[in-house]
């Protein structure tokens, strides 16, 4: 599953919290993160679809984001302003 986060700073606290939560998710394996031009792409191997993954994450790691789009293998997020 790929998680796209647009318009985000590399050292954003919300992005760091999301990344740490993905590393600890049950039934998942964090693959890595790429960052370019204020956009981050996080990849995780997870048994389930993107919305199931999102539902498994702790509320603290999700509070800074809103979902723009979700399908089986992709999740597009934006930072809440």
N, C-alpha and C. Protein backbone atom coordinates (compact mmCIF):
# COMPACT_ATOMS: atom_id res chain seq x y z
N UNK A 1 0.85 -1.18 0.00
CA UNK A 1 0.00 0.00 0.00
C UNK A 1 0.89 1.23 0.00
N UNK A 2 0.55 2.19 -0.85
CA UNK A 2 1.28 3.45 -0.88
C UNK A 2 0.41 4.54 -0.27
N UNK A 3 1.04 5.35 0.57
CA UNK A 3 0.36 6.48 1.19
C UNK A 3 1.04 7.75 0.68
N UNK A 4 0.27 8.58 -0.01
CA UNK A 4 0.79 9.83 -0.57
C UNK A 4 0.38 10.99 0.33
N UNK A 5 1.34 11.81 0.69
CA UNK A 5 1.07 13.01 1.49
C UNK A 5 1.63 14.19 0.74
N UNK A 6 0.75 15.10 0.32
CA UNK A 6 1.21 16.26 -0.46
C UNK A 6 1.36 17.48 0.43
N UNK A 7 2.17 18.42 -0.03
CA UNK A 7 2.36 19.71 0.63
C UNK A 7 2.77 19.53 2.10
N UNK A 8 3.82 18.74 2.33
CA UNK A 8 4.27 18.45 3.69
C UNK A 8 5.79 18.67 3.76
N UNK A 9 6.23 19.22 4.89
CA UNK A 9 7.67 19.37 5.13
C UNK A 9 8.23 18.02 5.56
N UNK A 10 9.48 17.77 5.21
CA UNK A 10 10.12 16.49 5.54
C UNK A 10 10.13 16.24 7.04
N UNK A 11 10.37 17.29 7.83
CA UNK A 11 10.47 17.13 9.27
C UNK A 11 9.17 17.46 10.02
N UNK A 12 8.04 17.42 9.33
CA UNK A 12 6.74 17.68 9.94
C UNK A 12 6.46 16.64 11.04
N UNK A 13 6.02 17.09 12.19
CA UNK A 13 5.77 16.19 13.33
C UNK A 13 4.67 15.17 13.02
N UNK A 14 3.63 15.58 12.28
CA UNK A 14 2.55 14.65 11.93
C UNK A 14 3.06 13.55 11.01
N UNK A 15 3.92 13.90 10.07
CA UNK A 15 4.48 12.91 9.15
C UNK A 15 5.36 11.93 9.92
N UNK A 16 6.14 12.44 10.85
CA UNK A 16 7.00 11.57 11.67
C UNK A 16 6.17 10.61 12.52
N UNK A 17 5.09 11.09 13.10
CA UNK A 17 4.21 10.25 13.92
C UNK A 17 3.55 9.17 13.06
N UNK A 18 3.13 9.53 11.87
CA UNK A 18 2.51 8.56 10.96
C UNK A 18 3.53 7.48 10.58
N UNK A 19 4.73 7.89 10.27
CA UNK A 19 5.79 6.96 9.88
C UNK A 19 6.10 5.99 11.02
N UNK A 20 6.21 6.48 12.24
CA UNK A 20 6.49 5.62 13.39
C UNK A 20 5.34 4.64 13.64
N UNK A 21 4.12 5.09 13.49
CA UNK A 21 2.96 4.21 13.69
C UNK A 21 2.93 3.11 12.64
N UNK A 22 3.29 3.45 11.41
CA UNK A 22 3.31 2.44 10.34
C UNK A 22 4.35 1.36 10.62
N UNK A 23 5.46 1.74 11.25
CA UNK A 23 6.51 0.77 11.58
C UNK A 23 6.04 -0.23 12.63
N UNK A 24 5.05 0.17 13.45
CA UNK A 24 4.59 -0.67 14.55
C UNK A 24 3.26 -1.38 14.26
N UNK A 25 2.69 -1.16 13.09
CA UNK A 25 1.35 -1.68 12.80
C UNK A 25 1.33 -3.22 12.80
N UNK A 26 0.32 -3.77 13.43
CA UNK A 26 0.18 -5.22 13.47
C UNK A 26 -0.26 -5.72 12.09
N UNK A 27 0.39 -6.76 11.62
CA UNK A 27 0.02 -7.33 10.32
C UNK A 27 0.61 -6.56 9.14
N UNK A 28 1.53 -5.66 9.42
CA UNK A 28 2.13 -4.86 8.35
C UNK A 28 3.64 -4.82 8.47
N UNK A 29 4.28 -4.49 7.38
CA UNK A 29 5.73 -4.33 7.37
C UNK A 29 6.05 -3.04 6.64
N UNK A 30 6.67 -2.10 7.36
CA UNK A 30 7.02 -0.82 6.77
C UNK A 30 8.15 -1.02 5.76
N UNK A 31 7.95 -0.55 4.54
CA UNK A 31 8.93 -0.73 3.48
C UNK A 31 9.87 0.48 3.38
N UNK A 32 9.31 1.68 3.44
CA UNK A 32 10.17 2.86 3.37
C UNK A 32 9.40 4.11 2.99
N UNK A 33 10.16 5.21 2.87
CA UNK A 33 9.57 6.49 2.52
C UNK A 33 10.44 7.19 1.49
N UNK A 34 9.79 7.82 0.54
CA UNK A 34 10.47 8.67 -0.43
C UNK A 34 9.91 10.07 -0.27
N UNK A 35 10.77 11.07 -0.51
CA UNK A 35 10.34 12.46 -0.36
C UNK A 35 10.90 13.28 -1.51
N UNK A 36 10.02 14.07 -2.13
CA UNK A 36 10.46 14.93 -3.23
C UNK A 36 9.47 16.07 -3.40
N UNK A 37 9.98 17.28 -3.52
CA UNK A 37 9.16 18.46 -3.81
C UNK A 37 7.95 18.59 -2.91
N UNK A 38 8.17 18.55 -1.60
CA UNK A 38 7.12 18.71 -0.58
C UNK A 38 6.05 17.63 -0.63
N UNK A 39 6.41 16.46 -1.13
CA UNK A 39 5.48 15.32 -1.15
C UNK A 39 6.20 14.08 -0.62
N UNK A 40 5.50 13.33 0.22
CA UNK A 40 6.06 12.10 0.78
C UNK A 40 5.25 10.91 0.28
N UNK A 41 5.94 9.82 0.01
CA UNK A 41 5.29 8.56 -0.37
C UNK A 41 5.81 7.51 0.61
N UNK A 42 4.89 6.98 1.41
CA UNK A 42 5.24 5.94 2.36
C UNK A 42 4.70 4.62 1.82
N UNK A 43 5.49 3.56 1.96
CA UNK A 43 5.06 2.25 1.47
C UNK A 43 5.05 1.27 2.63
N UNK A 44 3.99 0.46 2.68
CA UNK A 44 3.86 -0.56 3.70
C UNK A 44 3.23 -1.80 3.08
N UNK A 45 3.75 -2.94 3.47
CA UNK A 45 3.15 -4.22 3.08
C UNK A 45 2.13 -4.56 4.15
N UNK A 46 0.87 -4.69 3.76
CA UNK A 46 -0.22 -4.87 4.73
C UNK A 46 -1.26 -5.83 4.17
N UNK A 47 -1.72 -6.74 5.03
CA UNK A 47 -2.76 -7.69 4.61
C UNK A 47 -4.11 -7.02 4.78
N UNK A 48 -4.57 -6.36 3.75
CA UNK A 48 -5.83 -5.63 3.78
C UNK A 48 -5.73 -4.45 2.84
N UNK A 49 -6.81 -3.68 2.76
CA UNK A 49 -6.79 -2.52 1.86
C UNK A 49 -6.39 -1.25 2.63
N UNK A 50 -6.33 -0.15 1.91
CA UNK A 50 -5.83 1.09 2.50
C UNK A 50 -6.71 1.63 3.63
N UNK A 51 -8.02 1.48 3.51
CA UNK A 51 -8.89 2.00 4.57
C UNK A 51 -8.79 1.13 5.83
N UNK A 52 -8.58 -0.16 5.67
CA UNK A 52 -8.38 -1.03 6.83
C UNK A 52 -7.08 -0.66 7.54
N UNK A 53 -6.06 -0.35 6.76
CA UNK A 53 -4.79 0.10 7.34
C UNK A 53 -5.00 1.40 8.12
N UNK A 54 -5.70 2.35 7.52
CA UNK A 54 -5.96 3.64 8.17
C UNK A 54 -6.73 3.44 9.47
N UNK A 55 -7.70 2.55 9.46
CA UNK A 55 -8.49 2.29 10.67
C UNK A 55 -7.67 1.65 11.79
N UNK A 56 -6.61 0.92 11.42
CA UNK A 56 -5.75 0.27 12.41
C UNK A 56 -4.78 1.25 13.10
N UNK A 57 -4.52 2.38 12.48
CA UNK A 57 -3.56 3.33 13.03
C UNK A 57 -4.12 4.03 14.27
N UNK A 58 -3.25 4.34 15.23
CA UNK A 58 -3.71 5.07 16.42
C UNK A 58 -4.20 6.48 16.06
N UNK A 59 -5.18 6.95 16.80
CA UNK A 59 -5.79 8.25 16.52
C UNK A 59 -4.76 9.38 16.53
N UNK A 60 -3.78 9.30 17.42
CA UNK A 60 -2.76 10.36 17.51
C UNK A 60 -1.97 10.52 16.21
N UNK A 61 -1.74 9.41 15.52
CA UNK A 61 -0.95 9.49 14.29
C UNK A 61 -1.77 9.94 13.08
N UNK A 62 -3.11 9.94 13.23
CA UNK A 62 -3.99 10.33 12.12
C UNK A 62 -4.54 11.75 12.26
N UNK A 63 -4.46 12.34 13.45
CA UNK A 63 -5.16 13.59 13.72
C UNK A 63 -4.72 14.76 12.85
N UNK A 64 -3.51 14.74 12.33
CA UNK A 64 -3.01 15.84 11.53
C UNK A 64 -3.32 15.74 10.05
N UNK A 65 -4.05 14.69 9.67
CA UNK A 65 -4.31 14.44 8.25
C UNK A 65 -5.80 14.32 7.94
N UNK A 66 -6.14 14.58 6.69
CA UNK A 66 -7.47 14.27 6.19
C UNK A 66 -7.29 13.43 4.93
N UNK A 67 -8.21 12.50 4.72
CA UNK A 67 -8.15 11.62 3.55
C UNK A 67 -8.74 12.33 2.35
N UNK A 68 -7.99 12.37 1.26
CA UNK A 68 -8.49 12.94 0.01
C UNK A 68 -9.01 11.84 -0.91
N UNK A 69 -8.35 10.69 -0.87
CA UNK A 69 -8.73 9.59 -1.75
C UNK A 69 -8.26 8.27 -1.15
N UNK A 70 -9.07 7.23 -1.28
CA UNK A 70 -8.68 5.91 -0.80
C UNK A 70 -9.19 4.86 -1.76
N UNK A 71 -8.31 3.94 -2.14
CA UNK A 71 -8.73 2.76 -2.90
C UNK A 71 -7.97 1.56 -2.35
N UNK A 72 -8.02 0.43 -3.02
CA UNK A 72 -7.43 -0.79 -2.47
C UNK A 72 -5.97 -0.65 -2.04
N UNK A 73 -5.15 -0.06 -2.90
CA UNK A 73 -3.72 -0.05 -2.66
C UNK A 73 -3.11 1.33 -2.42
N UNK A 74 -3.92 2.38 -2.47
CA UNK A 74 -3.40 3.73 -2.31
C UNK A 74 -4.26 4.55 -1.36
N UNK A 75 -3.58 5.44 -0.66
CA UNK A 75 -4.24 6.37 0.25
C UNK A 75 -3.61 7.73 0.02
N UNK A 76 -4.43 8.73 -0.29
CA UNK A 76 -3.92 10.07 -0.51
C UNK A 76 -4.38 10.96 0.64
N UNK A 77 -3.40 11.56 1.31
CA UNK A 77 -3.68 12.39 2.49
C UNK A 77 -3.24 13.82 2.28
N UNK A 78 -3.84 14.71 3.04
CA UNK A 78 -3.42 16.12 3.07
C UNK A 78 -3.28 16.52 4.53
N UNK A 79 -2.36 17.42 4.77
CA UNK A 79 -2.18 17.95 6.13
C UNK A 79 -3.37 18.85 6.45
N UNK A 80 -3.94 18.66 7.64
CA UNK A 80 -5.02 19.57 8.07
C UNK A 80 -4.41 20.91 8.41
N UNK A 81 -5.02 21.94 7.89
CA UNK A 81 -4.52 23.30 8.14
C UNK A 81 -5.28 23.94 9.28
